[in-house]
ModelCIF file with pLDDT and N, C-alpha, C, O atoms, coordinates in Angstrom:
data_MODEL
#
_entry.id   MODEL 
#
_entity.id                         1 
_entity.type                       polymer 
_entity.pdbx_number_of_molecules   1 
#
_entity_poly.entity_id                      1 
_entity_poly.type                           'polypeptide(L)' 
_entity_poly.nstd_linkage                   no 
_entity_poly.nstd_monomer                   no 
_entity_poly.pdbx_seq_one_letter_code       EIALTILLVGLTIIFVFATATIPSYAAYAGGAISVVVL 
_entity_poly.pdbx_seq_one_letter_code_can   EIALTILLVGLTIIFVFATATIPSYAAYAGGAISVVVL 
_entity_poly.pdbx_strand_id                 A 
#
loop_
_entity_poly_seq.entity_id 
_entity_poly_seq.num 
_entity_poly_seq.mon_id 
_entity_poly_seq.hetero 
1 1  GLU n 
1 2  ILE n 
1 3  ALA n 
1 4  LEU n 
1 5  THR n 
1 6  ILE n 
1 7  LEU n 
1 8  LEU n 
1 9  VAL n 
1 10 GLY n 
1 11 LEU n 
1 12 THR n 
1 13 ILE n 
1 14 ILE n 
1 15 PHE n 
1 16 VAL n 
1 17 PHE n 
1 18 ALA n 
1 19 THR n 
1 20 ALA n 
1 21 THR n 
1 22 ILE n 
1 23 PRO n 
1 24 SER n 
1 25 TYR n 
1 26 ALA n 
1 27 ALA n 
1 28 TYR n 
1 29 ALA n 
1 30 GLY n 
1 31 GLY n 
1 32 ALA n 
1 33 ILE n 
1 34 SER n 
1 35 VAL n 
1 36 VAL n 
1 37 VAL n 
1 38 LEU n 
#
_struct_asym.id          A 
_struct_asym.entity_id   1 
#
loop_
_ma_qa_metric.id 
_ma_qa_metric.mode 
_ma_qa_metric.name 
_ma_qa_metric.software_group_id 
_ma_qa_metric.type 
1 global pLDDT . pLDDT 
2 local  pLDDT . pLDDT 
#
_ma_qa_metric_global.metric_id      1 
_ma_qa_metric_global.metric_value   79.11 
_ma_qa_metric_global.model_id       1 
_ma_qa_metric_global.ordinal_id     1 
#
loop_
_ma_qa_metric_local.label_asym_id 
_ma_qa_metric_local.label_comp_id 
_ma_qa_metric_local.label_seq_id 
_ma_qa_metric_local.metric_id 
_ma_qa_metric_local.metric_value 
_ma_qa_metric_local.model_id 
_ma_qa_metric_local.ordinal_id 
A GLU 1  2 72.00 1 1  
A ILE 2  2 78.00 1 2  
A ALA 3  2 80.00 1 3  
A LEU 4  2 80.00 1 4  
A THR 5  2 81.00 1 5  
A ILE 6  2 86.00 1 6  
A LEU 7  2 84.00 1 7  
A LEU 8  2 84.00 1 8  
A VAL 9  2 86.00 1 9  
A GLY 10 2 86.00 1 10 
A LEU 11 2 84.00 1 11 
A THR 12 2 85.00 1 12 
A ILE 13 2 87.00 1 13 
A ILE 14 2 85.00 1 14 
A PHE 15 2 82.00 1 15 
A VAL 16 2 84.00 1 16 
A PHE 17 2 84.00 1 17 
A ALA 18 2 79.00 1 18 
A THR 19 2 80.00 1 19 
A ALA 20 2 81.00 1 20 
A THR 21 2 81.00 1 21 
A ILE 22 2 78.00 1 22 
A PRO 23 2 79.00 1 23 
A SER 24 2 79.00 1 24 
A TYR 25 2 72.00 1 25 
A ALA 26 2 70.00 1 26 
A ALA 27 2 74.00 1 27 
A TYR 28 2 70.00 1 28 
A ALA 29 2 66.00 1 29 
A GLY 30 2 69.00 1 30 
A GLY 31 2 67.00 1 31 
A ALA 32 2 70.00 1 32 
A ILE 33 2 76.00 1 33 
A SER 34 2 78.00 1 34 
A VAL 35 2 83.00 1 35 
A VAL 36 2 83.00 1 36 
A VAL 37 2 80.00 1 37 
A LEU 38 2 83.00 1 38 
#
loop_
_atom_site.group_PDB 
_atom_site.id 
_atom_site.type_symbol 
_atom_site.label_atom_id 
_atom_site.label_alt_id 
_atom_site.label_comp_id 
_atom_site.label_asym_id 
_atom_site.label_entity_id 
_atom_site.label_seq_id 
_atom_site.pdbx_PDB_ins_code 
_atom_site.Cartn_x 
_atom_site.Cartn_y 
_atom_site.Cartn_z 
_atom_site.occupancy 
_atom_site.B_iso_or_equiv 
_atom_site.pdbx_formal_charge 
_atom_site.auth_seq_id 
_atom_site.auth_comp_id 
_atom_site.auth_asym_id 
_atom_site.auth_atom_id 
_atom_site.pdbx_PDB_model_num 
ATOM 1   N N  . GLU A 1 1  ? -70.664 -72.298  -189.213 1.00 72.00 ? 1  GLU A N  1 
ATOM 2   C CA . GLU A 1 1  ? -71.719 -73.347  -189.977 1.00 72.00 ? 1  GLU A CA 1 
ATOM 3   C C  . GLU A 1 1  ? -71.079 -73.892  -191.143 1.00 72.00 ? 1  GLU A C  1 
ATOM 4   O O  . GLU A 1 1  ? -71.241 -75.087  -191.389 1.00 72.00 ? 1  GLU A O  1 
ATOM 5   N N  . ILE A 1 2  ? -70.439 -73.239  -191.823 1.00 78.00 ? 2  ILE A N  1 
ATOM 6   C CA . ILE A 1 2  ? -69.549 -73.679  -193.007 1.00 78.00 ? 2  ILE A CA 1 
ATOM 7   C C  . ILE A 1 2  ? -68.671 -74.730  -192.756 1.00 78.00 ? 2  ILE A C  1 
ATOM 8   O O  . ILE A 1 2  ? -68.693 -75.804  -193.356 1.00 78.00 ? 2  ILE A O  1 
ATOM 9   N N  . ALA A 1 3  ? -67.765 -74.366  -191.716 1.00 80.00 ? 3  ALA A N  1 
ATOM 10  C CA . ALA A 1 3  ? -66.702 -75.190  -191.210 1.00 80.00 ? 3  ALA A CA 1 
ATOM 11  C C  . ALA A 1 3  ? -67.282 -76.510  -190.507 1.00 80.00 ? 3  ALA A C  1 
ATOM 12  O O  . ALA A 1 3  ? -66.656 -77.570  -190.490 1.00 80.00 ? 3  ALA A O  1 
ATOM 13  N N  . LEU A 1 4  ? -68.675 -76.311  -189.868 1.00 80.00 ? 4  LEU A N  1 
ATOM 14  C CA . LEU A 1 4  ? -69.089 -77.759  -189.504 1.00 80.00 ? 4  LEU A CA 1 
ATOM 15  C C  . LEU A 1 4  ? -69.642 -78.546  -190.730 1.00 80.00 ? 4  LEU A C  1 
ATOM 16  O O  . LEU A 1 4  ? -69.555 -79.772  -190.803 1.00 80.00 ? 4  LEU A O  1 
ATOM 17  N N  . THR A 1 5  ? -70.189 -77.805  -191.641 1.00 81.00 ? 5  THR A N  1 
ATOM 18  C CA . THR A 1 5  ? -70.711 -78.722  -192.839 1.00 81.00 ? 5  THR A CA 1 
ATOM 19  C C  . THR A 1 5  ? -69.602 -79.385  -193.578 1.00 81.00 ? 5  THR A C  1 
ATOM 20  O O  . THR A 1 5  ? -69.833 -80.362  -194.291 1.00 81.00 ? 5  THR A O  1 
ATOM 21  N N  . ILE A 1 6  ? -68.226 -78.816  -193.412 1.00 86.00 ? 6  ILE A N  1 
ATOM 22  C CA . ILE A 1 6  ? -67.195 -79.332  -194.009 1.00 86.00 ? 6  ILE A CA 1 
ATOM 23  C C  . ILE A 1 6  ? -66.644 -80.585  -193.322 1.00 86.00 ? 6  ILE A C  1 
ATOM 24  O O  . ILE A 1 6  ? -66.155 -81.559  -193.895 1.00 86.00 ? 6  ILE A O  1 
ATOM 25  N N  . LEU A 1 7  ? -66.806 -80.400  -191.938 1.00 84.00 ? 7  LEU A N  1 
ATOM 26  C CA . LEU A 1 7  ? -66.660 -81.464  -191.197 1.00 84.00 ? 7  LEU A CA 1 
ATOM 27  C C  . LEU A 1 7  ? -67.496 -82.523  -191.233 1.00 84.00 ? 7  LEU A C  1 
ATOM 28  O O  . LEU A 1 7  ? -66.937 -83.617  -191.314 1.00 84.00 ? 7  LEU A O  1 
ATOM 29  N N  . LEU A 1 8  ? -68.767 -82.512  -191.193 1.00 84.00 ? 8  LEU A N  1 
ATOM 30  C CA . LEU A 1 8  ? -69.803 -83.291  -191.584 1.00 84.00 ? 8  LEU A CA 1 
ATOM 31  C C  . LEU A 1 8  ? -69.653 -84.116  -192.811 1.00 84.00 ? 8  LEU A C  1 
ATOM 32  O O  . LEU A 1 8  ? -69.756 -85.343  -192.832 1.00 84.00 ? 8  LEU A O  1 
ATOM 33  N N  . VAL A 1 9  ? -69.395 -83.335  -193.856 1.00 86.00 ? 9  VAL A N  1 
ATOM 34  C CA . VAL A 1 9  ? -69.090 -84.046  -195.300 1.00 86.00 ? 9  VAL A CA 1 
ATOM 35  C C  . VAL A 1 9  ? -67.835 -84.940  -195.247 1.00 86.00 ? 9  VAL A C  1 
ATOM 36  O O  . VAL A 1 9  ? -67.877 -86.016  -195.844 1.00 86.00 ? 9  VAL A O  1 
ATOM 37  N N  . GLY A 1 10 ? -66.764 -84.592  -194.604 1.00 86.00 ? 10 GLY A N  1 
ATOM 38  C CA . GLY A 1 10 ? -65.681 -85.173  -194.281 1.00 86.00 ? 10 GLY A CA 1 
ATOM 39  C C  . GLY A 1 10 ? -65.955 -86.716  -193.505 1.00 86.00 ? 10 GLY A C  1 
ATOM 40  O O  . GLY A 1 10 ? -65.520 -87.813  -193.854 1.00 86.00 ? 10 GLY A O  1 
ATOM 41  N N  . LEU A 1 11 ? -66.759 -86.401  -192.434 1.00 84.00 ? 11 LEU A N  1 
ATOM 42  C CA . LEU A 1 11 ? -67.112 -87.788  -191.803 1.00 84.00 ? 11 LEU A CA 1 
ATOM 43  C C  . LEU A 1 11 ? -67.823 -88.520  -192.738 1.00 84.00 ? 11 LEU A C  1 
ATOM 44  O O  . LEU A 1 11 ? -67.633 -89.728  -192.878 1.00 84.00 ? 11 LEU A O  1 
ATOM 45  N N  . THR A 1 12 ? -68.711 -87.825  -193.459 1.00 85.00 ? 12 THR A N  1 
ATOM 46  C CA . THR A 1 12 ? -69.537 -88.932  -194.331 1.00 85.00 ? 12 THR A CA 1 
ATOM 47  C C  . THR A 1 12 ? -68.811 -89.547  -195.332 1.00 85.00 ? 12 THR A C  1 
ATOM 48  O O  . THR A 1 12 ? -69.068 -90.722  -195.596 1.00 85.00 ? 12 THR A O  1 
ATOM 49  N N  . ILE A 1 13 ? -67.813 -88.862  -196.030 1.00 87.00 ? 13 ILE A N  1 
ATOM 50  C CA . ILE A 1 13 ? -66.975 -89.580  -196.957 1.00 87.00 ? 13 ILE A CA 1 
ATOM 51  C C  . ILE A 1 13 ? -66.100 -90.585  -196.227 1.00 87.00 ? 13 ILE A C  1 
ATOM 52  O O  . ILE A 1 13 ? -65.758 -91.558  -196.898 1.00 87.00 ? 13 ILE A O  1 
ATOM 53  N N  . ILE A 1 14 ? -65.726 -90.527  -195.111 1.00 85.00 ? 14 ILE A N  1 
ATOM 54  C CA . ILE A 1 14 ? -64.789 -91.359  -194.376 1.00 85.00 ? 14 ILE A CA 1 
ATOM 55  C C  . ILE A 1 14 ? -65.816 -92.748  -194.204 1.00 85.00 ? 14 ILE A C  1 
ATOM 56  O O  . ILE A 1 14 ? -65.402 -93.879  -194.457 1.00 85.00 ? 14 ILE A O  1 
ATOM 57  N N  . PHE A 1 15 ? -67.076 -92.493  -193.781 1.00 82.00 ? 15 PHE A N  1 
ATOM 58  C CA . PHE A 1 15 ? -67.986 -93.797  -193.648 1.00 82.00 ? 15 PHE A CA 1 
ATOM 59  C C  . PHE A 1 15 ? -68.496 -94.475  -194.881 1.00 82.00 ? 15 PHE A C  1 
ATOM 60  O O  . PHE A 1 15 ? -69.060 -95.569  -194.906 1.00 82.00 ? 15 PHE A O  1 
ATOM 61  N N  . VAL A 1 16 ? -68.200 -93.606  -196.026 1.00 84.00 ? 16 VAL A N  1 
ATOM 62  C CA . VAL A 1 16 ? -68.608 -94.045  -197.392 1.00 84.00 ? 16 VAL A CA 1 
ATOM 63  C C  . VAL A 1 16 ? -67.515 -95.191  -197.610 1.00 84.00 ? 16 VAL A C  1 
ATOM 64  O O  . VAL A 1 16 ? -67.863 -96.354  -197.813 1.00 84.00 ? 16 VAL A O  1 
ATOM 65  N N  . PHE A 1 17 ? -66.222 -94.813  -197.559 1.00 84.00 ? 17 PHE A N  1 
ATOM 66  C CA . PHE A 1 17 ? -65.118 -95.773  -197.686 1.00 84.00 ? 17 PHE A CA 1 
ATOM 67  C C  . PHE A 1 17 ? -65.069 -97.002  -196.544 1.00 84.00 ? 17 PHE A C  1 
ATOM 68  O O  . PHE A 1 17 ? -64.698 -98.147  -196.803 1.00 84.00 ? 17 PHE A O  1 
ATOM 69  N N  . ALA A 1 18 ? -65.476 -96.577  -195.351 1.00 79.00 ? 18 ALA A N  1 
ATOM 70  C CA . ALA A 1 18 ? -65.589 -97.791  -194.442 1.00 79.00 ? 18 ALA A CA 1 
ATOM 71  C C  . ALA A 1 18 ? -66.594 -98.720  -194.718 1.00 79.00 ? 18 ALA A C  1 
ATOM 72  O O  . ALA A 1 18 ? -66.346 -99.918  -194.581 1.00 79.00 ? 18 ALA A O  1 
ATOM 73  N N  . THR A 1 19 ? -68.019 -98.228  -195.197 1.00 80.00 ? 19 THR A N  1 
ATOM 74  C CA . THR A 1 19 ? -68.828 -99.168  -195.483 1.00 80.00 ? 19 THR A CA 1 
ATOM 75  C C  . THR A 1 19 ? -68.705 -99.882  -196.828 1.00 80.00 ? 19 THR A C  1 
ATOM 76  O O  . THR A 1 19 ? -69.264 -100.955 -197.054 1.00 80.00 ? 19 THR A O  1 
ATOM 77  N N  . ALA A 1 20 ? -68.051 -99.322  -197.582 1.00 81.00 ? 20 ALA A N  1 
ATOM 78  C CA . ALA A 1 20 ? -67.472 -99.907  -199.020 1.00 81.00 ? 20 ALA A CA 1 
ATOM 79  C C  . ALA A 1 20 ? -66.680 -101.071 -198.926 1.00 81.00 ? 20 ALA A C  1 
ATOM 80  O O  . ALA A 1 20 ? -66.730 -101.931 -199.805 1.00 81.00 ? 20 ALA A O  1 
ATOM 81  N N  . THR A 1 21 ? -65.853 -101.185 -197.796 1.00 81.00 ? 21 THR A N  1 
ATOM 82  C CA . THR A 1 21 ? -64.889 -102.136 -197.687 1.00 81.00 ? 21 THR A CA 1 
ATOM 83  C C  . THR A 1 21 ? -65.562 -103.446 -196.936 1.00 81.00 ? 21 THR A C  1 
ATOM 84  O O  . THR A 1 21 ? -64.928 -104.501 -196.906 1.00 81.00 ? 21 THR A O  1 
ATOM 85  N N  . ILE A 1 22 ? -66.708 -103.353 -196.405 1.00 78.00 ? 22 ILE A N  1 
ATOM 86  C CA . ILE A 1 22 ? -67.098 -104.371 -195.427 1.00 78.00 ? 22 ILE A CA 1 
ATOM 87  C C  . ILE A 1 22 ? -67.506 -105.505 -196.255 1.00 78.00 ? 22 ILE A C  1 
ATOM 88  O O  . ILE A 1 22 ? -67.228 -106.623 -195.821 1.00 78.00 ? 22 ILE A O  1 
ATOM 89  N N  . PRO A 1 23 ? -68.251 -105.387 -197.618 1.00 79.00 ? 23 PRO A N  1 
ATOM 90  C CA . PRO A 1 23 ? -68.442 -106.770 -198.283 1.00 79.00 ? 23 PRO A CA 1 
ATOM 91  C C  . PRO A 1 23 ? -67.308 -107.481 -198.588 1.00 79.00 ? 23 PRO A C  1 
ATOM 92  O O  . PRO A 1 23 ? -67.418 -108.693 -198.775 1.00 79.00 ? 23 PRO A O  1 
ATOM 93  N N  . SER A 1 24 ? -65.930 -106.791 -198.695 1.00 79.00 ? 24 SER A N  1 
ATOM 94  C CA . SER A 1 24 ? -64.932 -107.828 -198.813 1.00 79.00 ? 24 SER A CA 1 
ATOM 95  C C  . SER A 1 24 ? -64.547 -108.587 -197.690 1.00 79.00 ? 24 SER A C  1 
ATOM 96  O O  . SER A 1 24 ? -64.047 -109.707 -197.802 1.00 79.00 ? 24 SER A O  1 
ATOM 97  N N  . TYR A 1 25 ? -64.801 -107.908 -196.384 1.00 72.00 ? 25 TYR A N  1 
ATOM 98  C CA . TYR A 1 25 ? -64.454 -108.652 -195.195 1.00 72.00 ? 25 TYR A CA 1 
ATOM 99  C C  . TYR A 1 25 ? -65.441 -109.836 -195.184 1.00 72.00 ? 25 TYR A C  1 
ATOM 100 O O  . TYR A 1 25 ? -65.059 -110.974 -194.911 1.00 72.00 ? 25 TYR A O  1 
ATOM 101 N N  . ALA A 1 26 ? -66.854 -109.510 -195.519 1.00 70.00 ? 26 ALA A N  1 
ATOM 102 C CA . ALA A 1 26 ? -67.863 -110.420 -195.284 1.00 70.00 ? 26 ALA A CA 1 
ATOM 103 C C  . ALA A 1 26 ? -67.690 -111.660 -196.378 1.00 70.00 ? 26 ALA A C  1 
ATOM 104 O O  . ALA A 1 26 ? -67.988 -112.798 -196.016 1.00 70.00 ? 26 ALA A O  1 
ATOM 105 N N  . ALA A 1 27 ? -67.233 -111.432 -197.639 1.00 74.00 ? 27 ALA A N  1 
ATOM 106 C CA . ALA A 1 27 ? -66.816 -112.472 -198.535 1.00 74.00 ? 27 ALA A CA 1 
ATOM 107 C C  . ALA A 1 27 ? -65.810 -113.310 -197.888 1.00 74.00 ? 27 ALA A C  1 
ATOM 108 O O  . ALA A 1 27 ? -66.040 -114.497 -197.655 1.00 74.00 ? 27 ALA A O  1 
ATOM 109 N N  . TYR A 1 28 ? -64.589 -112.686 -197.556 1.00 70.00 ? 28 TYR A N  1 
ATOM 110 C CA . TYR A 1 28 ? -63.506 -113.335 -196.968 1.00 70.00 ? 28 TYR A CA 1 
ATOM 111 C C  . TYR A 1 28 ? -63.969 -114.340 -195.853 1.00 70.00 ? 28 TYR A C  1 
ATOM 112 O O  . TYR A 1 28 ? -63.365 -115.412 -195.797 1.00 70.00 ? 28 TYR A O  1 
ATOM 113 N N  . ALA A 1 29 ? -64.951 -114.103 -194.987 1.00 66.00 ? 29 ALA A N  1 
ATOM 114 C CA . ALA A 1 29 ? -65.484 -115.015 -194.123 1.00 66.00 ? 29 ALA A CA 1 
ATOM 115 C C  . ALA A 1 29 ? -66.469 -115.823 -194.416 1.00 66.00 ? 29 ALA A C  1 
ATOM 116 O O  . ALA A 1 29 ? -67.063 -116.482 -193.563 1.00 66.00 ? 29 ALA A O  1 
ATOM 117 N N  . GLY A 1 30 ? -66.803 -115.848 -196.013 1.00 69.00 ? 30 GLY A N  1 
ATOM 118 C CA . GLY A 1 30 ? -67.684 -116.797 -196.747 1.00 69.00 ? 30 GLY A CA 1 
ATOM 119 C C  . GLY A 1 30 ? -69.120 -116.375 -196.525 1.00 69.00 ? 30 GLY A C  1 
ATOM 120 O O  . GLY A 1 30 ? -69.997 -117.239 -196.523 1.00 69.00 ? 30 GLY A O  1 
ATOM 121 N N  . GLY A 1 31 ? -69.403 -115.140 -196.344 1.00 67.00 ? 31 GLY A N  1 
ATOM 122 C CA . GLY A 1 31 ? -70.829 -114.766 -196.108 1.00 67.00 ? 31 GLY A CA 1 
ATOM 123 C C  . GLY A 1 31 ? -70.916 -113.589 -197.205 1.00 67.00 ? 31 GLY A C  1 
ATOM 124 O O  . GLY A 1 31 ? -70.002 -113.309 -197.980 1.00 67.00 ? 31 GLY A O  1 
ATOM 125 N N  . ALA A 1 32 ? -72.335 -112.862 -197.131 1.00 70.00 ? 32 ALA A N  1 
ATOM 126 C CA . ALA A 1 32 ? -72.484 -111.810 -197.978 1.00 70.00 ? 32 ALA A CA 1 
ATOM 127 C C  . ALA A 1 32 ? -73.290 -110.800 -197.382 1.00 70.00 ? 32 ALA A C  1 
ATOM 128 O O  . ALA A 1 32 ? -73.989 -111.255 -196.477 1.00 70.00 ? 32 ALA A O  1 
ATOM 129 N N  . ILE A 1 33 ? -73.429 -109.557 -197.592 1.00 76.00 ? 33 ILE A N  1 
ATOM 130 C CA . ILE A 1 33 ? -74.178 -108.405 -197.093 1.00 76.00 ? 33 ILE A CA 1 
ATOM 131 C C  . ILE A 1 33 ? -74.810 -107.825 -198.183 1.00 76.00 ? 33 ILE A C  1 
ATOM 132 O O  . ILE A 1 33 ? -74.202 -107.579 -199.224 1.00 76.00 ? 33 ILE A O  1 
ATOM 133 N N  . SER A 1 34 ? -76.236 -107.540 -197.982 1.00 78.00 ? 34 SER A N  1 
ATOM 134 C CA . SER A 1 34 ? -76.895 -106.832 -199.128 1.00 78.00 ? 34 SER A CA 1 
ATOM 135 C C  . SER A 1 34 ? -76.595 -105.387 -199.173 1.00 78.00 ? 34 SER A C  1 
ATOM 136 O O  . SER A 1 34 ? -76.059 -104.790 -198.240 1.00 78.00 ? 34 SER A O  1 
ATOM 137 N N  . VAL A 1 35 ? -76.984 -104.803 -200.366 1.00 83.00 ? 35 VAL A N  1 
ATOM 138 C CA . VAL A 1 35 ? -76.683 -103.383 -200.464 1.00 83.00 ? 35 VAL A CA 1 
ATOM 139 C C  . VAL A 1 35 ? -77.512 -102.584 -199.473 1.00 83.00 ? 35 VAL A C  1 
ATOM 140 O O  . VAL A 1 35 ? -77.068 -101.612 -198.862 1.00 83.00 ? 35 VAL A O  1 
ATOM 141 N N  . VAL A 1 36 ? -78.954 -103.136 -199.334 1.00 83.00 ? 36 VAL A N  1 
ATOM 142 C CA . VAL A 1 36 ? -79.773 -102.411 -198.423 1.00 83.00 ? 36 VAL A CA 1 
ATOM 143 C C  . VAL A 1 36 ? -79.335 -102.359 -197.022 1.00 83.00 ? 36 VAL A C  1 
ATOM 144 O O  . VAL A 1 36 ? -79.505 -101.341 -196.350 1.00 83.00 ? 36 VAL A O  1 
ATOM 145 N N  . VAL A 1 37 ? -78.794 -103.385 -196.570 1.00 80.00 ? 37 VAL A N  1 
ATOM 146 C CA . VAL A 1 37 ? -78.052 -103.520 -195.228 1.00 80.00 ? 37 VAL A CA 1 
ATOM 147 C C  . VAL A 1 37 ? -76.873 -102.544 -195.244 1.00 80.00 ? 37 VAL A C  1 
ATOM 148 O O  . VAL A 1 37 ? -76.785 -101.656 -194.396 1.00 80.00 ? 37 VAL A O  1 
ATOM 149 N N  . LEU A 1 38 ? -76.012 -102.706 -196.166 1.00 83.00 ? 38 LEU A N  1 
ATOM 150 C CA . LEU A 1 38 ? -74.951 -101.679 -196.154 1.00 83.00 ? 38 LEU A CA 1 
ATOM 151 C C  . LEU A 1 38 ? -75.263 -100.234 -196.064 1.00 83.00 ? 38 LEU A C  1 
ATOM 152 O O  . LEU A 1 38 ? -74.352 -99.405  -196.056 1.00 83.00 ? 38 LEU A O  1 
#
């Protein structure tokens, strides 16, 4: 269970970085995404 928790935390951290990079792509395309949507 501890190992699984570590895996879930790792996946969560990965998606934190993945989501944090989205606004820059949207800005590059000339748009914007709200924090709530992110």
